[in-house]
């Protein structure tokens, strides 16, 4: 049992995975779900702001249609989601209505957040619901989404929950599953595996551990949870992975108790525009920079053409691009003043030569420091 800290969280995103909600069955497990919901009722009455990112619509659709076999293919999964989504929301509505809590369905797809206007619309809607005391229940819009329903993209809503936490300036993102957190090895295969209680930085070693930790019942597994942790912590949000069957886990985590694996924010809260940039939803390519440029960027400098080794992918002026150092470490992102074709011409040269090489000039900086986010 972890010790309670002198910190509690106010705005909390809770992600409930399919394997947890169903207990490995093809329908919701009331013995698991009811205690979780009761904890959220308690926190809501305490004035906490809660957003739930809930999986389970496909499993419920499959159960309602009486399908026992595993169905592959996006169209069939969309059908299952279409049937199951109303069942899922009805379940939430009936439970919380008994406690005078109004819930609201919010279906999001990657395309909804990939442009600035869509990002802000989603943000404003969720914040308005919280202001009214409504509990948003967010799910991926599986019925119309194509790319997002592929398990390799959002990973059973893990990454979606991080996007939502990013959207609403959450203090805490709790990802609950049927595994207690990140282990030093696969706990199902290695009895000597030990839980890692705290991760200060997500590095190559943490990523390797995630790949070696299985979670057979969950769609996303540990890898997508680490991806979600990277986004959340780089946006100033604390993320905790914990076992949903741990007694009073949501209430205790909200009070600051350490349970499971805590991923520590790597930065303070970022203002809205920078969080949107960092989310990666509108990234069009990447720039590889040399050691000198890396050092300059770390010191809040701008990115100049002289420090760019190469551009990867095709992008236009005004697009968001990721920035990688010469060792292929992701160090930031920004809005580029030049296209990939332009950069192919001006990379590695002094800014004074840009006009001569391109016959035009959009400024000496490829990415200005005001349009730059470092991680």
Protein backbone atom coordinates (compact mmCIF):
# COMPACT_ATOMS: atom_id res chain seq x y z
CA UNK A 1 0.00 0.00 0.00
CA UNK A 2 1.40 3.38 -0.98
CA UNK A 3 1.70 6.32 1.34
CA UNK A 4 -0.61 9.29 0.93
CA UNK A 5 1.12 12.48 -0.14
CA UNK A 6 0.19 16.02 0.72
CA UNK A 7 -1.29 16.39 -2.74
CA UNK A 8 -4.74 15.75 -4.05
CA UNK A 9 -6.01 16.15 -7.58
CA UNK A 10 -9.07 18.08 -8.69
CA UNK A 11 -9.57 17.47 -12.42
CA UNK A 12 -9.20 13.76 -13.07
CA UNK A 13 -9.51 11.62 -16.19
CA UNK A 14 -10.25 7.95 -15.48
CA UNK A 15 -9.70 5.45 -18.26
CA UNK A 16 -11.50 2.12 -17.83
CA UNK A 17 -10.26 -0.68 -20.05
CA UNK A 18 -12.33 -3.43 -21.62
CA UNK A 19 -10.54 -6.22 -19.79
CA UNK A 20 -11.29 -4.53 -16.47
CA UNK A 21 -14.94 -3.69 -17.16
CA UNK A 22 -15.75 -7.16 -18.48
CA UNK A 23 -13.51 -9.24 -16.27
CA UNK A 24 -12.51 -11.14 -19.40
CA UNK A 25 -16.16 -11.95 -20.19
CA UNK A 26 -18.33 -10.64 -23.04
CA UNK A 27 -20.39 -8.31 -20.84
CA UNK A 28 -19.88 -5.80 -18.03
CA UNK A 29 -18.94 -7.34 -14.69
CA UNK A 30 -21.12 -5.64 -12.05
CA UNK A 31 -18.88 -6.88 -9.24
CA UNK A 32 -16.03 -4.86 -10.75
CA UNK A 33 -17.90 -1.91 -12.21
CA UNK A 34 -20.11 -0.96 -9.24
CA UNK A 35 -17.25 -0.30 -6.78
CA UNK A 36 -15.47 1.84 -9.40
CA UNK A 37 -18.59 3.86 -10.11
CA UNK A 38 -19.31 4.32 -6.41
CA UNK A 39 -15.85 5.79 -5.92
CA UNK A 40 -16.52 8.28 -8.70
CA UNK A 41 -19.82 9.23 -7.07
CA UNK A 42 -17.96 9.95 -3.83
CA UNK A 43 -15.38 12.13 -5.59
CA UNK A 44 -18.06 13.97 -7.55
CA UNK A 45 -19.82 14.84 -4.30
CA UNK A 46 -16.51 16.17 -2.99
CA UNK A 47 -16.41 18.62 -5.87
CA UNK A 48 -13.86 16.78 -7.99
CA UNK A 49 -14.17 17.13 -11.77
CA UNK A 50 -14.24 13.71 -13.42
CA UNK A 51 -14.08 12.62 -17.02
CA UNK A 52 -14.38 8.92 -17.85
CA UNK A 53 -12.80 7.43 -20.96
CA UNK A 54 -14.62 4.15 -21.28
CA UNK A 55 -13.99 1.14 -23.45
CA UNK A 56 -16.48 -1.71 -23.75
CA UNK A 57 -18.86 -0.80 -26.58
CA UNK A 58 -17.56 -3.48 -28.95
CA UNK A 59 -17.69 -6.16 -26.23
CA UNK A 60 -21.28 -5.17 -25.34
CA UNK A 61 -22.33 -5.17 -28.99
CA UNK A 62 -20.91 -8.62 -29.42
CA UNK A 63 -22.79 -9.86 -26.37
CA UNK A 64 -26.11 -8.30 -27.44
CA UNK A 65 -25.86 -9.86 -30.90
CA UNK A 66 -25.02 -13.23 -29.38
CA UNK A 67 -21.74 -13.53 -31.26
CA UNK A 68 -19.23 -15.78 -29.53
CA UNK A 69 -16.57 -16.06 -32.21
CA UNK A 70 -13.82 -13.52 -32.67
CA UNK A 71 -14.69 -11.18 -35.53
CA UNK A 72 -11.97 -9.55 -37.56
CA UNK A 73 -12.23 -6.61 -39.91
CA UNK A 74 -13.12 -2.98 -39.36
CA UNK A 75 -16.72 -3.02 -40.76
CA UNK A 76 -17.80 -5.79 -38.38
CA UNK A 77 -16.18 -4.08 -35.40
CA UNK A 78 -17.97 -0.87 -36.35
CA UNK A 79 -21.26 -2.77 -36.33
CA UNK A 80 -20.49 -4.14 -32.88
CA UNK A 81 -19.58 -0.66 -31.64
CA UNK A 82 -22.79 0.78 -33.07
CA UNK A 83 -24.89 -1.77 -31.18
CA UNK A 84 -22.86 -1.59 -28.00
CA UNK A 85 -22.38 2.15 -27.64
CA UNK A 86 -25.98 2.85 -26.64
CA UNK A 87 -25.86 -0.07 -24.20
CA UNK A 88 -22.71 1.30 -22.64
CA UNK A 89 -24.13 4.79 -22.19
CA UNK A 90 -27.41 3.40 -20.86
CA UNK A 91 -25.43 1.52 -18.23
CA UNK A 92 -23.62 4.71 -17.17
CA UNK A 93 -26.82 6.78 -17.23
CA UNK A 94 -28.85 4.35 -15.12
CA UNK A 95 -26.17 4.01 -12.46
CA UNK A 96 -25.29 7.67 -12.01
CA UNK A 97 -28.90 8.85 -12.31
CA UNK A 98 -29.58 7.07 -9.03
CA UNK A 99 -27.02 9.42 -7.46
CA UNK A 100 -28.35 12.57 -9.18
CA UNK A 101 -25.32 12.80 -11.45
CA UNK A 102 -25.87 13.64 -15.11
CA UNK A 103 -23.59 11.97 -17.63
CA UNK A 104 -22.95 13.11 -21.19
CA UNK A 105 -21.69 11.06 -24.12
CA UNK A 106 -18.72 12.48 -26.01
CA UNK A 107 -17.60 10.52 -29.05
CA UNK A 108 -14.22 11.58 -30.42
CA UNK A 109 -12.18 10.47 -33.39
CA UNK A 110 -8.64 11.41 -34.28
CA UNK A 111 -9.90 13.60 -37.13
CA UNK A 112 -11.93 15.65 -34.63
CA UNK A 113 -8.73 16.75 -32.90
CA UNK A 114 -6.34 16.99 -35.83
CA UNK A 115 -7.05 20.62 -36.63
CA UNK A 116 -6.95 23.61 -34.33
CA UNK A 117 -10.67 24.40 -34.59
CA UNK A 118 -11.73 20.82 -33.85
CA UNK A 119 -9.33 20.64 -30.93
CA UNK A 120 -10.70 23.83 -29.39
CA UNK A 121 -14.34 22.82 -29.99
CA UNK A 122 -13.83 19.52 -28.19
CA UNK A 123 -11.97 21.27 -25.38
CA UNK A 124 -14.65 23.92 -24.90
CA UNK A 125 -17.44 21.33 -24.86
CA UNK A 126 -15.78 19.15 -22.23
CA UNK A 127 -14.88 22.11 -20.02
CA UNK A 128 -18.46 23.46 -20.27
CA UNK A 129 -19.83 20.07 -19.20
CA UNK A 130 -17.53 20.03 -16.17
CA UNK A 131 -18.59 23.56 -15.26
CA UNK A 132 -22.21 22.38 -15.25
CA UNK A 133 -21.38 19.49 -12.95
CA UNK A 134 -21.91 16.92 -15.72
CA UNK A 135 -19.67 13.85 -15.96
CA UNK A 136 -18.50 13.34 -19.58
CA UNK A 137 -18.14 9.75 -20.72
CA UNK A 138 -15.73 9.75 -23.64
CA UNK A 139 -15.26 6.98 -26.15
CA UNK A 140 -13.66 6.68 -29.53
CA UNK A 141 -16.14 7.19 -32.37
CA UNK A 142 -15.72 3.62 -33.56
CA UNK A 143 -18.91 3.68 -35.64
CA UNK A 144 -17.51 6.09 -38.23
CA UNK A 145 -13.78 5.94 -37.56
CA UNK A 146 -11.58 3.79 -39.75
CA UNK A 147 -7.98 4.49 -38.77
CA UNK A 148 -8.81 4.88 -35.10
CA UNK A 149 -10.55 1.53 -34.71
CA UNK A 150 -7.39 -0.29 -35.67
CA UNK A 151 -5.95 -1.57 -32.45
CA UNK A 152 -2.47 -0.33 -33.33
CA UNK A 153 -3.53 3.33 -33.36
CA UNK A 154 -5.38 4.30 -30.20
CA UNK A 155 -4.78 1.04 -28.36
CA UNK A 156 -8.04 0.46 -26.51
CA UNK A 157 -8.45 4.14 -25.67
CA UNK A 158 -5.13 4.49 -23.82
CA UNK A 159 -3.86 7.20 -26.15
CA UNK A 160 -7.34 8.73 -26.40
CA UNK A 161 -7.39 9.16 -22.62
CA UNK A 162 -4.07 11.02 -22.81
CA UNK A 163 -5.50 13.23 -25.57
CA UNK A 164 -8.49 14.02 -23.35
CA UNK A 165 -6.25 14.79 -20.37
CA UNK A 166 -4.30 17.09 -22.65
CA UNK A 167 -7.51 18.72 -23.90
CA UNK A 168 -8.90 19.68 -20.50
CA UNK A 169 -5.73 20.50 -18.53
CA UNK A 170 -6.24 17.50 -16.27
CA UNK A 171 -4.26 17.21 -13.07
CA UNK A 172 -4.27 13.42 -13.13
CA UNK A 173 -4.89 10.63 -15.62
CA UNK A 174 -5.67 7.24 -14.10
CA UNK A 175 -5.45 4.23 -16.43
CA UNK A 176 -7.11 1.25 -14.78
CA UNK A 177 -6.71 -2.23 -16.15
CA UNK A 178 -6.25 -5.76 -14.87
CA UNK A 179 -2.53 -5.26 -14.30
CA UNK A 180 -1.08 -3.36 -11.33
CA UNK A 181 1.37 -1.24 -13.29
CA UNK A 182 4.71 -1.46 -15.07
CA UNK A 183 6.91 -4.35 -13.99
CA UNK A 184 10.58 -5.18 -14.39
CA UNK A 185 9.47 -8.24 -16.39
CA UNK A 186 6.26 -9.96 -17.43
CA UNK A 187 4.61 -10.81 -14.07
CA UNK A 188 2.59 -13.59 -15.70
CA UNK A 189 5.76 -15.37 -16.82
CA UNK A 190 8.35 -14.32 -14.23
CA UNK A 191 7.58 -14.73 -10.53
CA UNK A 192 10.55 -12.48 -9.70
CA UNK A 193 9.10 -9.52 -11.59
CA UNK A 194 8.66 -6.48 -9.38
CA UNK A 195 6.43 -3.44 -9.74
CA UNK A 196 8.09 -0.15 -10.67
CA UNK A 197 6.34 2.40 -8.43
CA UNK A 198 7.62 5.58 -10.07
CA UNK A 199 8.94 6.58 -13.48
CA UNK A 200 10.67 9.95 -13.69
CA UNK A 201 11.48 9.74 -17.39
CA UNK A 202 10.33 7.47 -20.21
CA UNK A 203 13.52 6.29 -21.87
CA UNK A 204 14.57 3.33 -24.00
CA UNK A 205 14.79 1.06 -20.96
CA UNK A 206 11.18 1.82 -19.95
CA UNK A 207 10.03 1.17 -23.50
CA UNK A 208 11.81 -2.19 -23.54
CA UNK A 209 10.13 -3.16 -20.26
CA UNK A 210 6.74 -2.25 -21.72
CA UNK A 211 7.32 -4.48 -24.71
CA UNK A 212 8.15 -7.35 -22.37
CA UNK A 213 5.09 -6.91 -20.15
CA UNK A 214 2.06 -8.59 -21.62
CA UNK A 215 -1.58 -7.97 -20.89
CA UNK A 216 -3.39 -10.56 -22.93
CA UNK A 217 -6.91 -9.43 -22.10
CA UNK A 218 -6.37 -5.79 -23.03
CA UNK A 219 -6.33 -4.55 -26.60
CA UNK A 220 -3.60 -1.99 -26.09
CA UNK A 221 -1.35 -3.70 -23.58
CA UNK A 222 1.49 -1.90 -21.82
CA UNK A 223 3.09 -0.39 -24.92
CA UNK A 224 0.15 1.93 -25.64
CA UNK A 225 -0.02 2.85 -21.96
CA UNK A 226 3.59 4.03 -22.15
CA UNK A 227 2.74 6.00 -25.29
CA UNK A 228 -0.12 7.61 -23.39
CA UNK A 229 2.19 8.34 -20.46
CA UNK A 230 4.65 10.07 -22.78
CA UNK A 231 1.95 12.42 -24.10
CA UNK A 232 0.36 13.07 -20.71
CA UNK A 233 3.57 13.75 -18.80
CA UNK A 234 4.94 15.99 -21.55
CA UNK A 235 1.73 18.03 -21.18
CA UNK A 236 2.21 18.46 -17.43
CA UNK A 237 -0.25 15.71 -16.43
CA UNK A 238 0.53 13.01 -13.86
CA UNK A 239 -0.37 9.53 -15.15
CA UNK A 240 -0.87 6.46 -12.99
CA UNK A 241 -1.36 2.89 -14.17
CA UNK A 242 -3.05 0.75 -11.54
CA UNK A 243 -5.15 -2.37 -10.99
CA UNK A 244 -8.84 -1.45 -11.13
CA UNK A 245 -9.66 -4.17 -8.60
CA UNK A 246 -7.49 -2.56 -5.93
CA UNK A 247 -9.87 -1.48 -3.12
CA UNK A 248 -10.93 2.19 -3.41
CA UNK A 249 -8.23 2.71 -6.02
CA UNK A 250 -9.73 5.81 -7.68
CA UNK A 251 -10.51 7.57 -4.42
CA UNK A 252 -7.09 6.81 -2.96
CA UNK A 253 -5.23 7.93 -6.07
CA UNK A 254 -7.26 11.14 -6.20
CA UNK A 255 -6.14 11.82 -2.62
CA UNK A 256 -2.50 11.50 -3.61
CA UNK A 257 -1.80 7.97 -2.47
CA UNK A 258 0.83 6.10 -4.45
CA UNK A 259 -0.57 2.91 -5.98
CA UNK A 260 0.61 1.16 -9.12
CA UNK A 261 3.10 2.99 -11.32
CA UNK A 262 3.21 6.80 -11.31
CA UNK A 263 4.62 8.63 -14.32
CA UNK A 264 5.86 12.04 -13.26
CA UNK A 265 5.19 15.11 -15.43
CA UNK A 266 8.28 16.22 -17.32
CA UNK A 267 7.09 19.81 -17.61
CA UNK A 268 4.67 22.28 -16.09
CA UNK A 269 1.22 22.78 -17.59
CA UNK A 270 1.55 23.97 -21.17
CA UNK A 271 -0.72 26.57 -22.62
CA UNK A 272 -3.42 25.29 -24.95
CA UNK A 273 -1.75 25.99 -28.29
CA UNK A 274 1.45 24.22 -27.30
CA UNK A 275 -0.45 21.19 -25.94
CA UNK A 276 -2.21 20.89 -29.28
CA UNK A 277 1.12 21.02 -31.09
CA UNK A 278 2.64 18.44 -28.77
CA UNK A 279 -0.27 16.01 -29.12
CA UNK A 280 1.05 14.95 -32.55
CA UNK A 281 -2.42 14.96 -34.07
CA UNK A 282 -1.42 17.31 -36.90
CA UNK A 283 2.22 16.35 -37.34
CA UNK A 284 3.19 16.11 -40.99
CA UNK A 285 6.88 15.15 -40.90
CA UNK A 286 10.11 15.42 -38.98
CA UNK A 287 13.36 17.34 -38.96
CA UNK A 288 16.67 15.80 -37.93
CA UNK A 289 19.02 18.36 -36.38
CA UNK A 290 22.70 18.33 -35.41
CA UNK A 291 24.20 18.63 -31.93
CA UNK A 292 24.66 22.39 -32.17
CA UNK A 293 21.02 22.94 -33.05
CA UNK A 294 19.93 20.60 -30.27
CA UNK A 295 21.87 22.62 -27.72
CA UNK A 296 20.51 25.90 -29.07
CA UNK A 297 16.93 24.63 -28.92
CA UNK A 298 17.41 23.50 -25.33
CA UNK A 299 18.42 27.07 -24.51
CA UNK A 300 15.17 28.43 -25.98
CA UNK A 301 16.68 29.35 -29.30
CA UNK A 302 15.06 29.11 -32.72
CA UNK A 303 15.82 26.41 -35.28
CA UNK A 304 17.92 27.69 -38.16
CA UNK A 305 18.55 26.01 -41.50
CA UNK A 306 22.23 25.60 -40.66
CA UNK A 307 21.41 23.11 -37.90
CA UNK A 308 19.16 20.85 -39.97
CA UNK A 309 20.64 17.62 -41.30
CA UNK A 310 17.58 16.44 -43.23
CA UNK A 311 13.79 16.48 -43.50
CA UNK A 312 11.68 13.30 -43.41
CA UNK A 313 8.23 13.17 -44.99
CA UNK A 314 6.39 15.79 -47.01
CA UNK A 315 5.01 18.92 -45.38
CA UNK A 316 4.15 22.50 -46.24
CA UNK A 317 4.88 25.84 -44.68
CA UNK A 318 2.74 26.23 -41.53
CA UNK A 319 2.59 22.50 -40.79
CA UNK A 320 3.64 21.01 -37.46
CA UNK A 321 6.77 18.85 -37.61
CA UNK A 322 8.53 16.75 -35.00
CA UNK A 323 12.15 17.48 -34.22
CA UNK A 324 14.71 14.73 -33.62
CA UNK A 325 18.35 15.03 -32.65
CA UNK A 326 21.16 13.31 -34.52
CA UNK A 327 20.77 10.26 -32.24
CA UNK A 328 17.11 9.93 -33.30
CA UNK A 329 15.73 11.10 -29.95
CA UNK A 330 12.44 13.02 -30.14
CA UNK A 331 13.24 16.41 -28.60
CA UNK A 332 10.31 18.61 -29.61
CA UNK A 333 7.99 19.89 -32.29
CA UNK A 334 7.13 23.16 -33.94
CA UNK A 335 5.43 25.03 -36.76
CA UNK A 336 7.74 25.25 -39.75
CA UNK A 337 8.20 28.35 -41.88
CA UNK A 338 9.45 26.28 -44.80
CA UNK A 339 8.21 23.22 -46.69
CA UNK A 340 10.05 19.92 -46.92
CA UNK A 341 11.05 20.79 -50.49
CA UNK A 342 12.45 24.11 -49.30
CA UNK A 343 14.39 22.47 -46.48
CA UNK A 344 15.92 19.95 -48.88
CA UNK A 345 17.54 22.96 -50.56
CA UNK A 346 18.50 25.12 -47.57
CA UNK A 347 19.47 22.49 -44.96
CA UNK A 348 22.89 23.06 -43.47
CA UNK A 349 23.36 26.54 -44.96
CA UNK A 350 23.58 29.96 -43.34
CA UNK A 351 20.32 31.91 -43.14
CA UNK A 352 21.76 34.68 -45.32
CA UNK A 353 21.88 32.27 -48.27
CA UNK A 354 18.18 31.31 -48.16
CA UNK A 355 16.99 33.99 -50.58
CA UNK A 356 19.68 33.17 -53.12
CA UNK A 357 18.85 29.47 -53.00
CA UNK A 358 15.03 29.72 -53.02
CA UNK A 359 14.43 33.11 -54.66
CA UNK A 360 12.24 33.97 -51.66
CA UNK A 361 12.62 34.24 -47.90
CA UNK A 362 10.13 33.50 -45.09
CA UNK A 363 12.58 34.56 -42.41
CA UNK A 364 15.86 33.38 -41.00
CA UNK A 365 14.25 30.81 -38.68
CA UNK A 366 12.91 27.52 -39.98
CA UNK A 367 11.04 27.25 -36.66
CA UNK A 368 10.79 30.34 -34.46
CA UNK A 369 11.16 29.80 -30.72
CA UNK A 370 7.62 31.13 -30.19
CA UNK A 371 6.32 28.26 -32.34
CA UNK A 372 8.43 25.62 -30.65
CA UNK A 373 7.71 23.09 -27.89
CA UNK A 374 10.56 21.11 -26.36
CA UNK A 375 10.07 17.87 -24.44
